[in-house]
Every structure is written in C-alpha cells, then in structure tokens.
Amino acid sequence: MSHGRPKILILLLRVSLGWMFFYSGLIKILDKTWSSKGFLVSAKTFPGFYSWFTSPQNLPWVDFLNKWGQLLIGAALILGVFVGIAALAGAVLMALYYFPGLQFPYVENGVLIDLHVIYLLALLMLSRLRAGRIWGLNSFFGRSLY
C-alpha cells in the first residue's frame, strides 16, 4: 500500500465525521423548536443524571452546547484545525449519547455496541493520529494547535 493512501483514508474519515457533526448541529440550530429534552427524559441508563439536564435552569445551556458544539466540532474536523480537541469533545458527546439508549446489555440496534461507540472510537483514533496535520489547517501551524 502506498504511503499516501492511508492519509487519504484518514482525511476521508475526518471530513465524513466532520460533516456528520456539522450537519447535525446546523439542522438543530435552524429548527427553532428543537430541544434535547425528549431524548434526555427517555434515558434508560442513568435517568437521574440525564433528567438533571432537562431542568428549566439547565436545558437552555444544554441545548445551546449541543447545537453549537456539534456545529463547531464538525467545522473543526472538516477544516482540519484543532482536530485533537474537536475529536475529544465529539468522543465525549458520543459517550453522552450512548448511555441513554443503553438498557444493559442492549442498545437501540444491537448488543453493547452501537453507532455512538463506533463514532467515539473513530474520533479517538483521529485525535491520536493528529489527523488535522493531514491536509488540514493544522498542517500550516505545525505543533502549536492540538
């Protein structure tokens, strides 16, 4: 395998995950009626923890961080800037999305493993590989941007 091919695959993974996050954040921002409340109150694992986020004093900042966090994570991954930070933030978000659907050992579409786990692992890999240095803006800044 040529040395360039793994770089292309890493780039495609980074941009694909970036688009997934960016689009998800964008449609939430554009939908003035969107709220995370329905998802959070239906949590099967740690219901008390997730219902805390739905209290009137918490829900506004939770929704704001969810929408804009997804958009910014996506933009960072697509552009290849601050990829390490964006990938770690995305991995945390995927972990937070995973547990509400887990009714041990079952998740929505399987046993223990669902798409959130796959995304989380892919994001951790991108962070570890410093994927922003591969045809991304991080490559222009060298080691100064994580």
N, C-alpha and C. Protein backbone atom coordinates (compact mmCIF):
# COMPACT_ATOMS: atom_id res chain seq x y z
N MET A 1 0.84 -1.18 0.00
CA MET A 1 0.00 0.00 0.00
C MET A 1 0.89 1.24 0.00
N SER A 2 0.57 2.19 -0.82
CA SER A 2 1.31 3.44 -0.91
C SER A 2 1.14 4.24 0.37
N HIS A 3 2.14 5.05 0.70
CA HIS A 3 2.08 5.87 1.92
C HIS A 3 0.99 6.92 1.85
N GLY A 4 0.59 7.34 0.65
CA GLY A 4 -0.45 8.35 0.50
C GLY A 4 -1.84 7.83 0.76
N ARG A 5 -2.06 6.57 0.53
CA ARG A 5 -3.42 6.01 0.69
C ARG A 5 -3.93 6.07 2.11
N PRO A 6 -3.14 5.71 3.12
CA PRO A 6 -3.67 5.84 4.49
C PRO A 6 -4.02 7.29 4.82
N LYS A 7 -3.25 8.24 4.28
CA LYS A 7 -3.56 9.65 4.53
C LYS A 7 -4.90 10.03 3.91
N ILE A 8 -5.17 9.53 2.74
CA ILE A 8 -6.46 9.81 2.10
C ILE A 8 -7.60 9.22 2.92
N LEU A 9 -7.42 8.02 3.44
CA LEU A 9 -8.46 7.39 4.25
C LEU A 9 -8.69 8.17 5.55
N ILE A 10 -7.61 8.63 6.17
CA ILE A 10 -7.75 9.43 7.39
C ILE A 10 -8.46 10.74 7.07
N LEU A 11 -8.09 11.38 5.97
CA LEU A 11 -8.76 12.60 5.55
C LEU A 11 -10.25 12.36 5.32
N LEU A 12 -10.58 11.29 4.62
CA LEU A 12 -11.99 10.99 4.33
C LEU A 12 -12.77 10.70 5.62
N LEU A 13 -12.15 9.99 6.55
CA LEU A 13 -12.81 9.72 7.82
C LEU A 13 -13.03 11.02 8.58
N ARG A 14 -12.01 11.87 8.64
CA ARG A 14 -12.11 13.14 9.36
C ARG A 14 -13.20 14.03 8.77
N VAL A 15 -13.20 14.17 7.45
CA VAL A 15 -14.18 15.03 6.80
C VAL A 15 -15.59 14.43 6.89
N SER A 16 -15.71 13.13 6.78
CA SER A 16 -17.03 12.48 6.89
C SER A 16 -17.62 12.65 8.28
N LEU A 17 -16.83 12.40 9.29
CA LEU A 17 -17.32 12.61 10.65
C LEU A 17 -17.60 14.09 10.88
N GLY A 18 -16.75 14.94 10.33
CA GLY A 18 -16.98 16.37 10.45
C GLY A 18 -18.29 16.79 9.84
N TRP A 19 -18.58 16.27 8.65
CA TRP A 19 -19.85 16.63 8.00
C TRP A 19 -21.03 16.13 8.83
N MET A 20 -20.92 14.93 9.37
CA MET A 20 -22.00 14.38 10.19
C MET A 20 -22.30 15.32 11.37
N PHE A 21 -21.26 15.76 12.07
CA PHE A 21 -21.44 16.66 13.21
C PHE A 21 -21.95 18.04 12.75
N PHE A 22 -21.32 18.59 11.71
CA PHE A 22 -21.69 19.91 11.23
C PHE A 22 -23.16 19.95 10.82
N TYR A 23 -23.58 18.98 10.02
CA TYR A 23 -24.96 18.94 9.54
C TYR A 23 -25.94 18.76 10.69
N SER A 24 -25.62 17.88 11.62
CA SER A 24 -26.49 17.65 12.76
C SER A 24 -26.65 18.92 13.59
N GLY A 25 -25.57 19.63 13.82
CA GLY A 25 -25.66 20.89 14.56
C GLY A 25 -26.44 21.93 13.79
N LEU A 26 -26.19 22.03 12.49
CA LEU A 26 -26.85 23.04 11.66
C LEU A 26 -28.36 22.85 11.64
N ILE A 27 -28.83 21.61 11.45
CA ILE A 27 -30.29 21.42 11.39
C ILE A 27 -30.93 21.68 12.75
N LYS A 28 -30.20 21.46 13.83
CA LYS A 28 -30.74 21.78 15.16
C LYS A 28 -30.81 23.29 15.35
N ILE A 29 -29.79 24.00 14.90
CA ILE A 29 -29.78 25.46 15.01
C ILE A 29 -30.90 26.08 14.18
N LEU A 30 -31.11 25.56 12.99
CA LEU A 30 -32.14 26.12 12.11
C LEU A 30 -33.56 25.78 12.55
N ASP A 31 -33.73 24.70 13.31
CA ASP A 31 -35.05 24.30 13.81
C ASP A 31 -35.28 24.94 15.17
N LYS A 32 -36.03 26.02 15.18
CA LYS A 32 -36.25 26.78 16.43
C LYS A 32 -37.04 25.98 17.47
N THR A 33 -37.66 24.88 17.08
CA THR A 33 -38.42 24.07 18.04
C THR A 33 -37.60 22.91 18.61
N TRP A 34 -36.38 22.71 18.11
CA TRP A 34 -35.59 21.56 18.55
C TRP A 34 -35.17 21.72 20.00
N SER A 35 -35.24 20.60 20.73
CA SER A 35 -34.76 20.54 22.10
C SER A 35 -34.28 19.12 22.38
N SER A 36 -33.30 19.03 23.24
CA SER A 36 -32.78 17.71 23.63
C SER A 36 -33.62 17.07 24.72
N LYS A 37 -34.63 17.74 25.21
CA LYS A 37 -35.40 17.28 26.35
C LYS A 37 -36.01 15.89 26.13
N GLY A 38 -36.63 15.67 24.99
CA GLY A 38 -37.26 14.37 24.73
C GLY A 38 -36.28 13.22 24.80
N PHE A 39 -35.11 13.42 24.25
CA PHE A 39 -34.06 12.39 24.29
C PHE A 39 -33.58 12.17 25.72
N LEU A 40 -33.38 13.25 26.44
CA LEU A 40 -32.83 13.14 27.79
C LEU A 40 -33.79 12.51 28.79
N VAL A 41 -35.07 12.84 28.70
CA VAL A 41 -36.03 12.28 29.67
C VAL A 41 -36.33 10.81 29.42
N SER A 42 -35.97 10.31 28.24
CA SER A 42 -36.22 8.90 27.94
C SER A 42 -35.02 8.01 28.25
N ALA A 43 -34.02 8.53 28.93
CA ALA A 43 -32.81 7.77 29.22
C ALA A 43 -33.12 6.52 30.03
N LYS A 44 -32.57 5.41 29.58
CA LYS A 44 -32.76 4.13 30.26
C LYS A 44 -31.65 3.88 31.29
N THR A 45 -30.46 4.39 31.02
CA THR A 45 -29.33 4.26 31.92
C THR A 45 -29.03 5.64 32.51
N PHE A 46 -28.81 5.70 33.79
CA PHE A 46 -28.56 6.96 34.50
C PHE A 46 -29.68 7.98 34.28
N PRO A 47 -30.94 7.58 34.46
CA PRO A 47 -32.04 8.52 34.18
C PRO A 47 -32.00 9.77 35.05
N GLY A 48 -31.57 9.64 36.29
CA GLY A 48 -31.49 10.82 37.16
C GLY A 48 -30.48 11.82 36.66
N PHE A 49 -29.34 11.34 36.21
CA PHE A 49 -28.29 12.20 35.67
C PHE A 49 -28.80 12.94 34.44
N TYR A 50 -29.42 12.22 33.52
CA TYR A 50 -29.89 12.85 32.29
C TYR A 50 -31.10 13.76 32.51
N SER A 51 -31.96 13.42 33.46
CA SER A 51 -33.11 14.29 33.72
C SER A 51 -32.66 15.61 34.36
N TRP A 52 -31.52 15.61 35.07
CA TRP A 52 -30.98 16.83 35.65
C TRP A 52 -30.74 17.87 34.55
N PHE A 53 -30.30 17.41 33.38
CA PHE A 53 -30.04 18.32 32.27
C PHE A 53 -31.31 18.98 31.74
N THR A 54 -32.48 18.40 32.03
CA THR A 54 -33.73 18.93 31.50
C THR A 54 -34.40 19.94 32.41
N SER A 55 -33.81 20.21 33.56
CA SER A 55 -34.42 21.19 34.46
C SER A 55 -34.42 22.56 33.77
N PRO A 56 -35.38 23.42 34.13
CA PRO A 56 -35.50 24.71 33.45
C PRO A 56 -34.22 25.56 33.46
N GLN A 57 -33.42 25.45 34.51
CA GLN A 57 -32.18 26.24 34.56
C GLN A 57 -31.06 25.61 33.73
N ASN A 58 -31.16 24.33 33.40
CA ASN A 58 -30.10 23.65 32.66
C ASN A 58 -30.39 23.46 31.18
N LEU A 59 -31.64 23.23 30.84
CA LEU A 59 -31.97 22.89 29.45
C LEU A 59 -31.50 23.95 28.43
N PRO A 60 -31.62 25.25 28.70
CA PRO A 60 -31.15 26.22 27.70
C PRO A 60 -29.66 26.07 27.37
N TRP A 61 -28.81 25.92 28.37
CA TRP A 61 -27.38 25.81 28.06
C TRP A 61 -27.04 24.44 27.48
N VAL A 62 -27.78 23.40 27.89
CA VAL A 62 -27.56 22.07 27.32
C VAL A 62 -27.90 22.08 25.83
N ASP A 63 -29.03 22.66 25.47
CA ASP A 63 -29.42 22.75 24.06
C ASP A 63 -28.42 23.60 23.27
N PHE A 64 -28.01 24.74 23.85
CA PHE A 64 -27.05 25.61 23.18
C PHE A 64 -25.74 24.87 22.91
N LEU A 65 -25.20 24.22 23.93
CA LEU A 65 -23.93 23.49 23.77
C LEU A 65 -24.08 22.34 22.79
N ASN A 66 -25.23 21.69 22.82
CA ASN A 66 -25.44 20.56 21.91
C ASN A 66 -25.43 21.04 20.46
N LYS A 67 -26.22 22.06 20.16
CA LYS A 67 -26.31 22.57 18.79
C LYS A 67 -24.98 23.13 18.30
N TRP A 68 -24.47 24.10 19.03
CA TRP A 68 -23.27 24.80 18.59
C TRP A 68 -22.02 23.94 18.76
N GLY A 69 -22.03 23.07 19.75
CA GLY A 69 -20.91 22.14 19.92
C GLY A 69 -20.78 21.21 18.73
N GLN A 70 -21.90 20.66 18.28
CA GLN A 70 -21.86 19.79 17.11
C GLN A 70 -21.39 20.55 15.87
N LEU A 71 -21.92 21.76 15.68
CA LEU A 71 -21.53 22.55 14.52
C LEU A 71 -20.02 22.86 14.54
N LEU A 72 -19.51 23.28 15.68
CA LEU A 72 -18.10 23.65 15.78
C LEU A 72 -17.18 22.43 15.71
N ILE A 73 -17.59 21.33 16.31
CA ILE A 73 -16.81 20.08 16.19
C ILE A 73 -16.72 19.70 14.72
N GLY A 74 -17.85 19.76 14.03
CA GLY A 74 -17.88 19.42 12.61
C GLY A 74 -17.00 20.34 11.78
N ALA A 75 -17.10 21.64 12.03
CA ALA A 75 -16.29 22.60 11.27
C ALA A 75 -14.80 22.35 11.51
N ALA A 76 -14.42 22.10 12.75
CA ALA A 76 -13.01 21.84 13.06
C ALA A 76 -12.51 20.59 12.36
N LEU A 77 -13.31 19.55 12.35
CA LEU A 77 -12.90 18.32 11.68
C LEU A 77 -12.80 18.51 10.17
N ILE A 78 -13.75 19.20 9.59
CA ILE A 78 -13.73 19.43 8.14
C ILE A 78 -12.52 20.26 7.75
N LEU A 79 -12.27 21.32 8.50
CA LEU A 79 -11.18 22.23 8.17
C LEU A 79 -9.81 21.70 8.59
N GLY A 80 -9.81 20.75 9.51
CA GLY A 80 -8.55 20.21 9.99
C GLY A 80 -7.82 21.14 10.93
N VAL A 81 -8.58 21.84 11.78
CA VAL A 81 -8.00 22.75 12.76
C VAL A 81 -8.51 22.37 14.15
N PHE A 82 -7.62 22.35 15.13
CA PHE A 82 -7.97 21.92 16.49
C PHE A 82 -8.64 20.55 16.48
N VAL A 83 -8.18 19.69 15.62
CA VAL A 83 -8.80 18.36 15.44
C VAL A 83 -8.72 17.54 16.72
N GLY A 84 -7.60 17.61 17.43
CA GLY A 84 -7.48 16.84 18.67
C GLY A 84 -8.54 17.21 19.68
N ILE A 85 -8.72 18.51 19.88
CA ILE A 85 -9.73 19.00 20.83
C ILE A 85 -11.13 18.66 20.33
N ALA A 86 -11.38 18.91 19.04
CA ALA A 86 -12.71 18.64 18.47
C ALA A 86 -13.04 17.14 18.55
N ALA A 87 -12.07 16.30 18.24
CA ALA A 87 -12.30 14.86 18.27
C ALA A 87 -12.57 14.38 19.70
N LEU A 88 -11.84 14.90 20.67
CA LEU A 88 -12.09 14.52 22.07
C LEU A 88 -13.45 15.01 22.53
N ALA A 89 -13.82 16.24 22.15
CA ALA A 89 -15.15 16.76 22.50
C ALA A 89 -16.24 15.91 21.85
N GLY A 90 -16.04 15.54 20.60
CA GLY A 90 -17.00 14.68 19.92
C GLY A 90 -17.10 13.32 20.57
N ALA A 91 -15.98 12.77 21.03
CA ALA A 91 -16.00 11.47 21.70
C ALA A 91 -16.79 11.55 23.01
N VAL A 92 -16.60 12.63 23.75
CA VAL A 92 -17.38 12.82 25.00
C VAL A 92 -18.86 12.92 24.66
N LEU A 93 -19.19 13.67 23.63
CA LEU A 93 -20.58 13.81 23.22
C LEU A 93 -21.17 12.45 22.83
N MET A 94 -20.41 11.65 22.10
CA MET A 94 -20.89 10.32 21.71
C MET A 94 -21.11 9.43 22.93
N ALA A 95 -20.26 9.53 23.93
CA ALA A 95 -20.46 8.77 25.17
C ALA A 95 -21.75 9.22 25.86
N LEU A 96 -21.97 10.53 25.88
CA LEU A 96 -23.20 11.05 26.50
C LEU A 96 -24.44 10.62 25.72
N TYR A 97 -24.33 10.46 24.41
CA TYR A 97 -25.45 9.99 23.59
C TYR A 97 -25.66 8.49 23.73
N TYR A 98 -24.63 7.77 24.02
CA TYR A 98 -24.70 6.31 24.08
C TYR A 98 -25.52 5.82 25.27
N PHE A 99 -25.25 6.33 26.44
CA PHE A 99 -25.85 5.76 27.65
C PHE A 99 -27.36 5.88 27.75
N PRO A 100 -28.01 6.95 27.29
CA PRO A 100 -29.46 6.98 27.39
C PRO A 100 -30.15 5.83 26.65
N GLY A 101 -29.56 5.36 25.56
CA GLY A 101 -30.16 4.28 24.79
C GLY A 101 -29.77 2.89 25.25
N LEU A 102 -28.87 2.82 26.22
CA LEU A 102 -28.40 1.53 26.71
C LEU A 102 -29.33 0.99 27.79
N GLN A 103 -29.87 -0.17 27.53
CA GLN A 103 -30.61 -0.91 28.56
C GLN A 103 -29.87 -2.23 28.66
N PHE A 104 -28.83 -2.22 29.48
CA PHE A 104 -27.81 -3.27 29.50
C PHE A 104 -28.40 -4.65 29.35
N PRO A 105 -27.85 -5.44 28.43
CA PRO A 105 -26.73 -5.20 27.52
C PRO A 105 -27.18 -4.69 26.15
N TYR A 106 -28.44 -4.30 26.03
CA TYR A 106 -28.98 -3.95 24.71
C TYR A 106 -28.94 -2.45 24.46
N VAL A 107 -28.63 -2.10 23.23
CA VAL A 107 -28.76 -0.73 22.75
C VAL A 107 -29.73 -0.76 21.58
N GLU A 108 -30.03 0.40 21.07
CA GLU A 108 -31.08 0.50 20.06
C GLU A 108 -30.94 -0.50 18.93
N ASN A 109 -29.75 -0.66 18.38
CA ASN A 109 -29.59 -1.55 17.23
C ASN A 109 -28.58 -2.66 17.45
N GLY A 110 -28.50 -3.17 18.66
CA GLY A 110 -27.54 -4.24 18.88
C GLY A 110 -27.35 -4.58 20.35
N VAL A 111 -26.23 -5.22 20.59
CA VAL A 111 -25.84 -5.61 21.95
C VAL A 111 -24.53 -4.91 22.27
N LEU A 112 -24.55 -4.05 23.26
CA LEU A 112 -23.41 -3.26 23.76
C LEU A 112 -22.84 -2.24 22.78
N ILE A 113 -22.73 -2.56 21.52
CA ILE A 113 -22.10 -1.66 20.55
C ILE A 113 -23.17 -1.08 19.63
N ASP A 114 -23.14 0.24 19.50
CA ASP A 114 -23.99 0.90 18.51
C ASP A 114 -23.15 1.94 17.77
N LEU A 115 -23.78 2.72 16.94
CA LEU A 115 -23.05 3.71 16.14
C LEU A 115 -22.29 4.71 17.00
N HIS A 116 -22.83 5.06 18.16
CA HIS A 116 -22.15 6.02 19.03
C HIS A 116 -20.79 5.50 19.47
N VAL A 117 -20.69 4.22 19.73
CA VAL A 117 -19.41 3.62 20.14
C VAL A 117 -18.43 3.65 18.96
N ILE A 118 -18.92 3.33 17.77
CA ILE A 118 -18.06 3.35 16.59
C ILE A 118 -17.56 4.77 16.32
N TYR A 119 -18.45 5.75 16.38
CA TYR A 119 -18.04 7.15 16.20
C TYR A 119 -17.04 7.56 17.26
N LEU A 120 -17.29 7.20 18.51
CA LEU A 120 -16.39 7.53 19.60
C LEU A 120 -14.99 6.98 19.33
N LEU A 121 -14.91 5.74 18.94
CA LEU A 121 -13.61 5.12 18.67
C LEU A 121 -12.92 5.77 17.47
N ALA A 122 -13.68 6.08 16.43
CA ALA A 122 -13.09 6.74 15.26
C ALA A 122 -12.57 8.12 15.63
N LEU A 123 -13.31 8.84 16.46
CA LEU A 123 -12.87 10.17 16.89
C LEU A 123 -11.61 10.08 17.75
N LEU A 124 -11.55 9.10 18.64
CA LEU A 124 -10.34 8.92 19.44
C LEU A 124 -9.14 8.59 18.55
N MET A 125 -9.38 7.81 17.52
CA MET A 125 -8.31 7.49 16.58
C MET A 125 -7.84 8.75 15.85
N LEU A 126 -8.77 9.57 15.40
CA LEU A 126 -8.39 10.82 14.72
C LEU A 126 -7.58 11.71 15.65
N SER A 127 -7.97 11.78 16.91
CA SER A 127 -7.23 12.59 17.86
C SER A 127 -5.82 12.05 18.04
N ARG A 128 -5.70 10.76 18.20
CA ARG A 128 -4.40 10.12 18.41
C ARG A 128 -3.50 10.26 17.19
N LEU A 129 -4.07 10.20 16.01
CA LEU A 129 -3.29 10.31 14.78
C LEU A 129 -2.96 11.75 14.41
N ARG A 130 -3.47 12.70 15.20
CA ARG A 130 -3.29 14.12 14.88
C ARG A 130 -3.70 14.39 13.43
N ALA A 131 -4.91 13.99 13.15
CA ALA A 131 -5.42 13.98 11.78
C ALA A 131 -5.55 15.36 11.15
N GLY A 132 -5.49 16.42 11.93
CA GLY A 132 -5.54 17.76 11.37
C GLY A 132 -4.29 18.12 10.59
N ARG A 133 -3.22 17.38 10.80
CA ARG A 133 -1.98 17.63 10.07
C ARG A 133 -2.01 17.02 8.68
N ILE A 134 -3.03 16.24 8.40
CA ILE A 134 -3.16 15.60 7.09
C ILE A 134 -4.13 16.44 6.26
N TRP A 135 -3.57 17.27 5.41
CA TRP A 135 -4.34 18.14 4.53
C TRP A 135 -5.39 18.95 5.28
N GLY A 136 -5.00 19.47 6.42
CA GLY A 136 -5.88 20.33 7.19
C GLY A 136 -5.15 21.59 7.60
N LEU A 137 -5.87 22.53 8.16
CA LEU A 137 -5.27 23.79 8.58
C LEU A 137 -4.20 23.59 9.65
N ASN A 138 -4.33 22.54 10.47
CA ASN A 138 -3.30 22.27 11.47
C ASN A 138 -1.93 22.08 10.83
N SER A 139 -1.88 21.59 9.61
CA SER A 139 -0.60 21.36 8.95
C SER A 139 0.15 22.66 8.70
N PHE A 140 -0.57 23.78 8.62
CA PHE A 140 0.08 25.07 8.43
C PHE A 140 0.67 25.63 9.71
N PHE A 141 0.18 25.15 10.86
CA PHE A 141 0.61 25.68 12.14
C PHE A 141 1.58 24.76 12.88
N GLY A 142 1.81 23.58 12.34
CA GLY A 142 2.74 22.63 12.97
C GLY A 142 2.19 22.11 14.28
N ARG A 143 3.00 22.10 15.30
CA ARG A 143 2.63 21.52 16.58
C ARG A 143 1.87 22.46 17.49
N SER A 144 1.65 23.69 17.10
CA SER A 144 1.05 24.67 18.00
C SER A 144 -0.44 24.46 18.24
N LEU A 145 -1.12 23.77 17.34
CA LEU A 145 -2.55 23.52 17.51
C LEU A 145 -2.79 22.04 17.74
N TYR A 146 -3.56 21.73 18.74
CA TYR A 146 -3.82 20.32 19.05
C TYR A 146 -4.93 19.80 18.19
